[in-house]
């Protein structure tokens, strides 16, 4: 471990640095996997020439004055402008927070860990952190102005994703049991 960066080995599931220690991500279940895939696909279709979208993409983030550490959002978006000039390890494991980080809650998630990740992403430069809660079918949009809660027939939209729109009923429909 360097004085400027905490380096963790790649694991399955991934390991992140949360609240001062290494924490392995929780294994995903069907609901989590389907929401993650649906959000990723919708963002991928939207992003085309704007930027890159990835799932379980490891970032090396550093809030001002703090050591760089790994965080792995369920889905991430980074504009092409921020990726230009990156090569090798820095392109694969960017040394910054994504523009948009998405976390899909699982029953085993520790809410203090999720809250910590939100604060680290925002302090490190993310414009938006989206937290999807399949339990109550809500989406929370965290940005520098606070939190906006979406539910029911609301549409997921934000200035950090200009032109992107995903209706919550369409998002959460993917977790309904087959008929």
Foldseek 3Di string as FASTA:
>chain_A
DDPAFDDDDQDVQGWWQFPHDIDGDDDDDPQQVLLLVVVQVLVCVLCPQFWDKDAQQWEQFDQPPGHTIIDGARMATAGVVVLPPDDDPCNRHPHFAGLEGEHEDDPPDDVSRVVRVLVRNQSRHHQWYWYAYLVQLKIWIQGPVGIDIDHDQDWDDDPSRPPRIDTSVVSNVSVDDDD
